[in-house]
Amino acid sequence: MRRYDLDNLRVIAFGLLIFYHVGMVFVPWPNHIKDVQTHEGFVFPMLFLNQWRLSILFVISGMGTYFAMSRRSGAQLAKERLKRLLIPLLFGMAFIVPPQVYFEWLDKGTFQGNYLEFYTDRSFWKPYPEGGAISWHHLWFILYLLIFSLVMIPGFQYLRKNPEALLIRKLQLLSTSTFGLYIFIVPLFIYEQYLTPEFPSTHALIGDWYNLINYGTFFYFRVSAYLSQRYILANRNEQQKAIPDLWFDGISSIDGLMVCNW
């Protein structure tokens, strides 16, 4: 069944992402291309978006992975993820990222010449930023999502087949408490406090431990929460189903916690 609510959330999230990257041209932060004049009025809205814009994308992606997993085997899910993520990533690295770097270098005076000369001379032979453009750049989200999806398939399959697993039972226990799901603040705080100083955000994959662990947590627990929710609903009788579902309030709470990662 098509989840139009998830589609709408994706559209809103990526729409905000487009406005965010446009705004990067005008704020006093480093960016590939900058306007000659910065605008301080954009800083606060940009800071506000920056706190949750990527977290919510991984949360939504976790929701989508759960629904994709519910009707596929592990091998089928891996094949589907490679098709939907790896192929667009490789295409983007070859044909979308290089023009971005080309215009960046023209703007900074790093390179002079037409695009064909840039593409054949630099982008395939030297790593960015000293050289060319064969990198994922802003497509790092797709790469990280692909890695999370493939690496976590065995764990997700285990949880789906073993609804009595410890993690599922703990999530069920937390969901019965009004403030139970707020425990997820703790790992987010630890990541921010202890990982960020040691592993600053680079999106380079190698050594980018803060982003890998932080966004991997958003992705993993969103799928796990849905698996736990499915088990709860499957074991409720009709009378219980008529009672307002505190679990869904908990799901909303965990989403709120995750997108408010400061």
Protein backbone atom coordinates (compact mmCIF):
# COMPACT_ATOMS: atom_id res chain seq x y z
CA MET A 1 0.00 0.00 0.00
CA ARG A 2 1.32 3.39 -0.96
CA ARG A 3 2.02 5.64 2.05
CA TYR A 4 1.19 9.12 0.81
CA ASP A 5 1.91 10.58 4.23
CA LEU A 6 5.53 9.45 3.91
CA ASP A 7 5.67 10.80 0.37
CA ASN A 8 4.46 14.17 1.63
CA LEU A 9 7.03 14.18 4.43
CA ARG A 10 9.80 13.44 1.93
CA VAL A 11 8.67 16.25 -0.34
CA ILE A 12 8.57 18.72 2.57
CA ALA A 13 11.97 17.59 3.91
CA PHE A 14 13.72 17.76 0.55
CA GLY A 15 12.00 21.04 -0.26
CA LEU A 16 13.46 22.54 2.91
CA LEU A 17 16.81 21.01 1.97
CA ILE A 18 16.78 22.87 -1.35
CA PHE A 19 16.03 26.18 0.37
CA TYR A 20 18.76 25.44 2.90
CA HIS A 21 21.43 24.94 0.27
CA VAL A 22 20.34 28.05 -1.58
CA GLY A 23 20.63 29.94 1.69
CA MET A 24 24.21 28.70 2.13
CA VAL A 25 25.21 31.10 -0.64
CA PHE A 26 24.16 34.09 1.45
CA VAL A 27 25.18 33.27 5.04
CA PRO A 28 28.68 33.91 6.45
CA TRP A 29 29.62 30.22 6.51
CA PRO A 30 31.97 28.38 4.11
CA ASN A 31 30.30 27.12 0.95
CA HIS A 32 31.31 26.13 -2.58
CA ILE A 33 29.98 29.37 -4.05
CA LYS A 34 29.33 32.54 -2.04
CA ASP A 35 27.56 35.79 -2.79
CA VAL A 36 29.71 38.90 -2.55
CA GLN A 37 27.48 40.07 0.30
CA THR A 38 26.27 37.96 3.22
CA HIS A 39 22.93 38.45 4.97
CA GLU A 40 22.82 38.02 8.73
CA GLY A 41 19.03 37.71 8.67
CA PHE A 42 19.34 34.25 7.14
CA VAL A 43 21.53 32.91 9.94
CA PHE A 44 18.87 32.06 12.55
CA PRO A 45 16.47 30.27 10.14
CA MET A 46 19.41 28.33 8.73
CA LEU A 47 20.59 27.33 12.22
CA PHE A 48 17.07 26.20 13.06
CA LEU A 49 16.86 23.98 9.98
CA ASN A 50 20.37 22.68 10.51
CA GLN A 51 19.44 21.03 13.81
CA TRP A 52 17.00 18.51 12.33
CA ARG A 53 16.97 18.66 8.51
CA LEU A 54 19.18 15.57 8.06
CA SER A 55 17.94 13.67 11.10
CA ILE A 56 14.38 13.72 9.82
CA LEU A 57 15.53 12.39 6.44
CA PHE A 58 17.10 9.34 8.08
CA VAL A 59 13.99 8.87 10.23
CA ILE A 60 11.78 8.95 7.12
CA SER A 61 14.19 6.62 5.32
CA GLY A 62 13.97 4.18 8.23
CA MET A 63 10.20 4.21 7.91
CA GLY A 64 10.47 3.53 4.16
CA THR A 65 12.93 0.70 4.74
CA TYR A 66 10.54 -0.95 7.18
CA PHE A 67 7.73 -0.98 4.62
CA ALA A 68 10.11 -2.22 1.90
CA MET A 69 11.36 -4.98 4.22
CA SER A 70 7.87 -6.16 5.16
CA ARG A 71 7.31 -7.70 1.72
CA ARG A 72 10.86 -8.75 0.77
CA SER A 73 13.49 -11.23 1.87
CA GLY A 74 16.92 -10.03 2.94
CA ALA A 75 18.41 -10.72 -0.50
CA GLN A 76 15.50 -9.02 -2.25
CA LEU A 77 15.82 -5.98 0.00
CA ALA A 78 19.56 -5.75 -0.67
CA LYS A 79 18.95 -5.93 -4.43
CA GLU A 80 16.23 -3.29 -4.21
CA ARG A 81 18.46 -0.96 -2.14
CA LEU A 82 21.35 -1.33 -4.59
CA LYS A 83 19.05 -0.56 -7.49
CA ARG A 84 17.43 2.45 -5.85
CA LEU A 85 20.50 3.91 -4.16
CA LEU A 86 23.79 2.71 -5.71
CA ILE A 87 22.87 3.38 -9.34
CA PRO A 88 21.64 6.96 -8.67
CA LEU A 89 24.73 7.58 -6.51
CA LEU A 90 27.15 6.51 -9.27
CA PHE A 91 25.23 8.52 -11.86
CA GLY A 92 25.29 11.59 -9.64
CA MET A 93 29.03 11.26 -8.97
CA ALA A 94 29.72 11.08 -12.70
CA PHE A 95 27.28 13.66 -14.08
CA ILE A 96 25.82 15.85 -11.31
CA VAL A 97 28.72 16.58 -8.95
CA PRO A 98 31.37 17.50 -11.59
CA PRO A 99 29.42 20.53 -12.92
CA GLN A 100 29.08 21.79 -9.34
CA VAL A 101 32.83 21.65 -8.84
CA TYR A 102 33.43 23.17 -12.28
CA PHE A 103 31.37 26.26 -11.47
CA GLU A 104 32.94 26.44 -8.01
CA TRP A 105 36.41 26.54 -9.55
CA LEU A 106 35.36 29.11 -12.13
CA ASP A 107 33.97 31.27 -9.33
CA LYS A 108 37.19 31.00 -7.31
CA GLY A 109 39.48 31.34 -10.31
CA THR A 110 40.95 27.88 -9.72
CA PHE A 111 40.31 26.73 -13.28
CA GLN A 112 39.92 28.40 -16.65
CA GLY A 113 38.59 26.56 -19.66
CA ASN A 114 35.48 24.87 -20.95
CA TYR A 115 33.68 22.07 -19.18
CA LEU A 116 35.00 19.33 -21.45
CA GLU A 117 38.57 20.30 -20.63
CA PHE A 118 37.77 20.28 -16.93
CA TYR A 119 35.97 16.95 -17.10
CA THR A 120 38.71 15.10 -18.98
CA ASP A 121 41.72 16.76 -17.39
CA ARG A 122 40.94 16.94 -13.70
CA SER A 123 37.80 15.28 -12.42
CA PHE A 124 38.97 11.69 -12.92
CA TRP A 125 42.55 11.93 -11.69
CA LYS A 126 42.85 13.96 -8.50
CA PRO A 127 40.80 13.86 -5.30
CA TYR A 128 38.70 16.84 -4.31
CA PRO A 129 39.36 19.57 -3.22
CA GLU A 130 42.91 19.67 -4.57
CA GLY A 131 41.85 18.10 -7.83
CA GLY A 132 38.75 16.88 -9.52
CA ALA A 133 35.17 16.12 -8.76
CA ILE A 134 34.62 12.37 -8.63
CA SER A 135 33.13 12.32 -5.16
CA TRP A 136 29.70 12.07 -3.58
CA HIS A 137 29.76 15.65 -2.24
CA HIS A 138 26.15 16.50 -1.29
CA LEU A 139 25.10 13.00 -2.31
CA TRP A 140 26.74 11.62 0.85
CA PHE A 141 23.25 11.07 2.26
CA ILE A 142 22.58 8.44 -0.42
CA LEU A 143 25.89 6.69 0.30
CA TYR A 144 25.31 6.59 4.06
CA LEU A 145 21.72 5.43 3.60
CA LEU A 146 22.91 2.64 1.31
CA ILE A 147 25.49 1.50 3.87
CA PHE A 148 22.97 1.59 6.73
CA SER A 149 20.42 -0.35 4.70
CA LEU A 150 22.83 -3.12 3.68
CA VAL A 151 24.72 -3.47 6.98
CA MET A 152 21.56 -3.59 9.08
CA ILE A 153 19.56 -6.05 6.95
CA PRO A 154 20.60 -9.11 9.04
CA GLY A 155 19.59 -7.36 12.26
CA PHE A 156 16.27 -6.21 10.86
CA GLN A 157 15.51 -9.69 9.52
CA TYR A 158 16.29 -11.19 12.92
CA LEU A 159 13.99 -8.75 14.71
CA ARG A 160 11.21 -9.37 12.20
CA LYS A 161 11.41 -13.13 12.72
CA ASN A 162 11.91 -12.91 16.50
CA PRO A 163 9.34 -10.52 17.96
CA GLU A 164 10.31 -11.66 21.47
CA ALA A 165 13.86 -10.35 21.03
CA LEU A 166 15.27 -8.25 23.89
CA LEU A 167 15.28 -5.00 21.90
CA ILE A 168 11.64 -5.42 20.90
CA ARG A 169 10.61 -6.16 24.47
CA LYS A 170 12.52 -3.12 25.76
CA LEU A 171 10.85 -0.87 23.21
CA GLN A 172 7.47 -2.28 24.21
CA LEU A 173 8.28 -1.56 27.85
CA LEU A 174 9.36 1.99 27.10
CA SER A 175 6.21 2.60 25.07
CA THR A 176 4.01 1.92 28.12
CA SER A 177 5.61 4.78 30.03
CA THR A 178 4.58 8.36 29.36
CA PHE A 179 8.16 9.57 29.20
CA GLY A 180 9.84 6.25 28.47
CA LEU A 181 10.86 6.99 24.91
CA TYR A 182 12.68 10.12 26.02
CA ILE A 183 15.51 7.79 27.00
CA PHE A 184 16.65 8.17 23.39
CA ILE A 185 17.90 11.62 24.31
CA VAL A 186 20.76 9.96 26.19
CA PRO A 187 22.69 8.45 23.24
CA LEU A 188 22.15 11.62 21.18
CA PHE A 189 23.61 13.68 24.02
CA ILE A 190 26.59 11.32 24.35
CA TYR A 191 27.30 11.50 20.62
CA GLU A 192 27.18 15.29 20.64
CA GLN A 193 29.26 15.62 23.78
CA TYR A 194 32.00 13.07 23.16
CA LEU A 195 32.10 12.13 19.47
CA THR A 196 31.78 15.55 17.83
CA PRO A 197 35.05 16.95 19.28
CA GLU A 198 36.98 13.83 18.28
CA PHE A 199 35.35 13.20 14.91
CA PRO A 200 34.19 16.45 13.29
CA SER A 201 31.66 16.10 10.49
CA THR A 202 33.33 15.50 7.11
CA HIS A 203 30.87 13.30 5.15
CA ALA A 204 33.99 11.59 3.79
CA LEU A 205 32.90 8.17 5.17
CA ILE A 206 36.39 7.22 6.36
CA GLY A 207 36.76 8.52 9.90
CA ASP A 208 33.37 10.23 9.88
CA TRP A 209 32.33 8.35 12.99
CA TYR A 210 30.05 10.96 14.51
CA ASN A 211 27.79 11.12 11.47
CA LEU A 212 27.84 7.36 10.91
CA ILE A 213 26.86 6.56 14.51
CA ASN A 214 24.45 9.46 14.97
CA TYR A 215 22.46 9.05 11.75
CA GLY A 216 22.73 5.28 11.96
CA THR A 217 20.96 5.49 15.32
CA PHE A 218 18.09 7.50 13.82
CA PHE A 219 17.73 5.00 11.00
CA TYR A 220 18.04 1.84 13.11
CA PHE A 221 15.70 2.76 15.92
CA ARG A 222 13.02 4.02 13.54
CA VAL A 223 12.88 0.61 11.84
CA SER A 224 13.05 -1.18 15.21
CA ALA A 225 10.23 0.95 16.58
CA TYR A 226 7.98 -0.02 13.69
CA LEU A 227 8.83 -3.70 14.15
CA SER A 228 7.89 -3.44 17.82
CA GLN A 229 4.68 -1.58 16.93
CA ARG A 230 3.67 -4.34 14.51
CA TYR A 231 4.10 -7.01 17.19
CA ILE A 232 2.00 -5.04 19.67
CA LEU A 233 -0.86 -4.57 17.20
CA ALA A 234 -0.77 -8.23 16.19
CA ASN A 235 -1.36 -9.31 19.78
CA ARG A 236 -4.20 -6.98 20.72
CA ASN A 237 -7.80 -8.07 20.83
CA GLU A 238 -10.64 -6.08 19.33
CA GLN A 239 -11.53 -4.43 22.63
CA GLN A 240 -7.96 -3.26 23.10
CA LYS A 241 -7.86 -1.89 19.55
CA ALA A 242 -10.71 0.45 20.47
CA ILE A 243 -8.65 1.99 23.27
CA PRO A 244 -6.61 5.06 22.30
CA ASP A 245 -3.22 3.77 21.32
CA LEU A 246 -0.51 5.18 23.56
CA TRP A 247 2.06 3.46 21.40
CA PHE A 248 1.37 5.79 18.49
CA ASP A 249 1.82 8.72 20.84
CA GLY A 250 5.16 7.17 21.72
CA ILE A 251 6.09 6.84 18.07
CA SER A 252 5.34 10.52 17.60
CA SER A 253 7.48 11.30 20.63
CA ILE A 254 10.45 9.34 19.34
CA ASP A 255 10.22 11.13 15.99
CA GLY A 256 10.16 14.43 17.80
CA LEU A 257 13.19 13.48 19.87
CA MET A 258 15.13 12.35 16.86
CA VAL A 259 14.53 15.43 14.75
CA CYS A 260 15.37 17.70 17.67
CA ASN A 261 18.95 16.43 17.91
CA TRP A 262 20.95 19.40 19.10
